[in-house]
Protein backbone atom coordinates (compact mmCIF):
# COMPACT_ATOMS: atom_id res chain seq x y z
CA MET A 1 13.35 -13.52 -66.54
CA THR A 2 12.94 -10.10 -68.05
CA ARG A 3 13.99 -6.82 -66.59
CA ARG A 4 10.36 -5.73 -66.37
CA THR A 5 9.45 -8.80 -64.22
CA VAL A 6 12.34 -8.12 -61.80
CA VAL A 7 11.30 -4.46 -61.36
CA LYS A 8 7.62 -5.39 -60.78
CA ALA A 9 8.57 -8.08 -58.25
CA SER A 10 10.89 -5.68 -56.42
CA ALA A 11 8.15 -3.04 -56.27
CA VAL A 12 5.60 -5.47 -54.83
CA ILE A 13 8.07 -6.77 -52.22
CA GLY A 14 9.12 -3.21 -51.28
CA ALA A 15 5.49 -2.13 -50.86
CA ALA A 16 4.74 -5.13 -48.64
CA VAL A 17 7.76 -4.40 -46.41
CA ALA A 18 6.80 -0.72 -46.12
CA ALA A 19 3.20 -1.57 -45.24
CA GLY A 20 4.35 -4.07 -42.61
CA SER A 21 6.44 -1.47 -40.82
CA VAL A 22 3.50 0.96 -40.61
CA LEU A 23 0.60 -1.41 -39.86
CA PRO A 24 0.30 -3.21 -36.49
CA VAL A 25 1.35 -6.79 -36.42
CA GLY A 26 -1.67 -9.07 -36.52
CA SER A 27 -0.24 -11.46 -33.94
CA ALA A 28 0.01 -8.83 -31.15
CA THR A 29 -2.53 -9.43 -28.41
CA ALA A 30 -4.87 -6.74 -27.16
CA ALA A 31 -2.95 -6.62 -23.85
CA GLU A 32 0.33 -5.97 -25.69
CA ARG A 33 -1.23 -3.09 -27.62
CA ARG A 34 -2.56 -1.54 -24.35
CA GLY A 35 0.88 -1.59 -22.74
CA PRO A 36 2.21 -3.17 -19.57
CA LYS A 37 -0.24 -4.14 -16.83
CA ARG A 38 -0.28 -1.75 -13.90
CA PRO A 39 0.27 -3.32 -10.48
CA ALA A 40 -2.71 -3.65 -8.17
CA THR A 41 -3.04 -0.96 -5.51
CA SER A 42 -4.78 -0.78 -2.17
CA ALA A 43 -7.50 1.79 -1.40
CA ASN A 44 -4.91 4.43 -0.47
CA GLY A 45 -2.98 4.04 -3.76
CA TRP A 46 0.00 2.00 -2.55
CA THR A 47 1.16 -1.07 -4.48
CA VAL A 48 -0.16 -4.37 -3.15
CA GLN A 49 2.67 -6.67 -2.05
CA ALA A 50 2.64 -10.41 -2.74
CA ASN A 51 4.56 -11.39 0.39
CA THR A 52 6.54 -10.09 3.31
CA ASP A 53 10.17 -10.30 4.44
CA ARG A 54 11.46 -11.27 0.98
CA ASP A 55 11.29 -9.66 -2.46
CA SER A 56 8.90 -7.08 -1.06
CA GLN A 57 8.60 -3.55 0.30
CA VAL A 58 7.01 -5.04 3.43
CA TRP A 59 9.22 -6.26 6.28
CA THR A 60 8.50 -7.17 9.88
CA ARG A 61 9.71 -4.25 11.97
CA PRO A 62 10.15 -4.11 15.75
CA VAL A 63 8.04 -1.80 17.86
CA SER A 64 10.61 -0.21 20.17
CA GLY A 65 9.97 -0.49 23.88
CA THR A 66 7.83 -3.60 23.37
CA ALA A 67 8.41 -7.22 22.45
CA LEU A 68 6.23 -6.73 19.36
CA GLY A 69 6.96 -6.77 15.65
CA VAL A 70 4.64 -5.89 12.77
CA PRO A 71 4.97 -6.36 8.97
CA VAL A 72 4.67 -2.91 7.33
CA TRP A 73 5.97 -1.02 4.27
CA ILE A 74 9.56 -0.08 5.16
CA GLY A 75 10.71 3.53 5.39
CA ASP A 76 8.39 6.43 6.12
CA VAL A 77 5.27 4.25 6.45
CA GLU A 78 7.13 2.06 8.93
CA THR A 79 8.16 5.08 11.01
CA VAL A 80 4.62 6.42 11.21
CA LEU A 81 2.74 3.15 11.82
CA VAL A 82 5.24 1.89 14.40
CA HIS A 83 4.84 5.26 16.16
CA VAL A 84 1.05 4.73 16.25
CA VAL A 85 1.42 1.19 17.61
CA ARG A 86 3.94 2.27 20.25
CA ARG A 87 1.75 5.12 21.47
CA PHE A 88 -1.33 2.89 21.50
CA HIS A 89 0.62 0.34 23.58
CA TYR A 90 1.65 2.94 26.18
CA GLU A 91 -1.33 5.32 26.18
CA VAL A 92 -4.41 3.24 25.33
CA GLN A 93 -3.85 -0.42 26.20
CA GLU A 94 -0.83 -2.66 26.62
CA LEU A 95 -0.61 -4.99 23.62
CA THR A 96 0.51 -8.59 23.24
CA ALA A 97 1.53 -10.38 20.04
CA VAL A 98 -2.05 -11.51 19.33
CA ASP A 99 -3.24 -7.89 19.59
CA LEU A 100 -1.24 -6.71 16.57
CA ALA A 101 -1.40 -7.59 12.87
CA GLY A 102 0.08 -5.90 9.82
CA TRP A 103 0.38 -7.02 6.20
CA ARG A 104 -2.15 -9.55 4.92
CA PRO A 105 -2.52 -11.16 1.47
CA ALA A 106 -4.94 -9.30 -0.81
CA LYS A 107 -7.13 -12.38 -1.26
CA GLY A 108 -10.10 -12.03 1.04
CA LEU A 109 -9.73 -8.24 1.50
CA ARG A 110 -12.21 -5.91 -0.18
CA ARG A 111 -10.22 -3.60 -2.47
CA ASP A 112 -12.77 -0.79 -2.18
CA LEU A 113 -12.49 -0.64 1.62
CA PRO A 114 -9.63 0.66 3.80
CA GLU A 115 -8.90 -2.91 4.93
CA SER A 116 -7.24 -3.41 1.52
CA ASN A 117 -4.42 -1.19 2.81
CA LEU A 118 -3.27 -4.21 4.82
CA ALA A 119 -2.25 -5.86 1.52
CA SER A 120 0.16 -3.01 0.73
CA GLY A 121 1.63 -2.97 4.24
CA THR A 122 0.29 0.53 4.89
CA ALA A 123 -2.13 -0.45 7.65
CA VAL A 124 -2.14 -2.26 10.97
CA ARG A 125 -4.83 -3.89 13.04
CA ILE A 126 -4.60 -3.25 16.77
CA ARG A 127 -6.79 -5.67 18.71
CA PRO A 128 -8.07 -7.34 15.48
CA GLY A 129 -11.13 -8.87 17.13
CA ALA A 130 -12.37 -5.47 18.34
CA ARG A 131 -13.72 -3.97 15.12
CA ALA A 132 -17.20 -2.90 16.25
CA ARG A 133 -18.01 0.55 17.58
CA GLY A 134 -17.72 0.69 21.35
CA SER A 135 -14.71 -1.59 21.66
CA LEU A 136 -12.82 1.24 23.40
CA PHE A 137 -13.77 3.19 26.52
CA PRO A 138 -14.30 6.97 26.11
CA LEU A 139 -10.89 7.85 27.63
CA GLN A 140 -9.25 5.35 25.27
CA VAL A 141 -11.01 6.98 22.30
CA ASP A 142 -9.66 10.35 23.47
CA ALA A 143 -6.13 8.88 23.57
CA VAL A 144 -6.56 7.44 20.05
CA ARG A 145 -7.71 10.84 18.78
CA ASP A 146 -4.62 12.42 20.39
CA ILE A 147 -2.40 9.91 18.56
CA LEU A 148 -4.17 10.75 15.28
CA ALA A 149 -3.75 14.48 15.90
CA ASP A 150 -0.02 13.84 16.33
CA CYS A 151 -0.07 12.25 12.85
CA ARG A 152 -1.51 15.41 11.21
CA GLY A 153 -3.99 13.70 8.88
CA VAL A 154 -1.50 11.17 7.51
CA VAL A 155 -3.04 8.30 9.52
CA ARG A 156 -6.73 7.50 9.70
CA TRP A 157 -8.56 5.35 12.22
CA GLY A 158 -11.17 2.88 10.97
CA GLY A 159 -13.35 3.85 13.94
CA GLU A 160 -14.24 6.98 11.97
CA ASP A 161 -15.05 5.11 8.73
CA ARG A 162 -18.23 3.57 7.36
CA PRO A 163 -18.34 0.67 7.93
CA VAL A 164 -16.69 1.09 11.32
CA ASP A 165 -13.51 -0.89 12.04
CA GLU A 166 -12.05 0.29 15.36
CA SER A 167 -9.09 -2.08 15.03
CA LEU A 168 -7.77 -0.55 11.77
CA PHE A 169 -5.18 2.25 11.51
CA TYR A 170 -3.89 3.10 8.04
CA VAL A 171 -1.87 5.60 6.04
CA ALA A 172 -4.51 7.86 4.51
CA VAL A 173 -2.25 9.49 1.89
CA GLY A 174 -0.79 8.20 -1.36
CA PRO A 175 2.86 7.41 -2.06
CA GLN A 176 3.53 10.84 -3.62
CA ASP A 177 2.03 12.92 -0.80
CA GLU A 178 4.74 15.07 0.81
CA ARG A 179 3.02 15.04 4.21
CA LEU A 180 4.15 11.46 4.85
CA PRO A 181 7.92 12.01 4.58
CA ALA A 182 7.59 15.30 6.48
CA LEU A 183 5.77 13.59 9.37
CA ALA A 184 8.22 10.65 9.37
CA ALA A 185 11.20 13.02 9.48
CA GLY A 186 9.65 14.88 12.41
CA LEU A 187 9.00 11.65 14.29
CA ARG A 188 12.57 10.43 13.70
CA GLU A 189 13.97 13.77 14.87
CA ALA A 190 11.83 13.68 18.04
CA THR A 191 13.02 10.11 18.73
CA PHE A 192 16.71 11.05 18.56
CA ARG A 193 16.46 14.19 20.68
């Protein structure tokens, strides 16, 4: 083998190595080139949870003053939604276990509608069978609106949506909205006074 052959072979090998470090690898899939898959979110921007009470942000929380529990996103969301349920129980209509539902699997929920917020644990259904307009008496509607006013725009009632769902109450702000922790802190402070 001559010196000239060794130099040529080294140059070809060096060029191939250099090109390989600059060019994308042909075996990478399109998904790998796009980056990691973003988790699914509900209509209000919260991450959909696969289950409840294990490996999840959603846990069944007690509603104080009642014998009820509801699976919701723990922390600030929990504080606010449990407050809504408790007030509904005392000011609108006394609830039983069948009158309250929280987290639901995403399958079967329409992601473009507020009902998808159930899959992230950021919504509750109170009296799930009473979705149609007119399921509450006028004085009950006034009490619901008072509860919503107490929540300062952080919670929305499905009775004011299109399509109407009078059983649905959900967090209407995203996970980065500062109004949620501010409201939750105020509710906790009022509870411990």
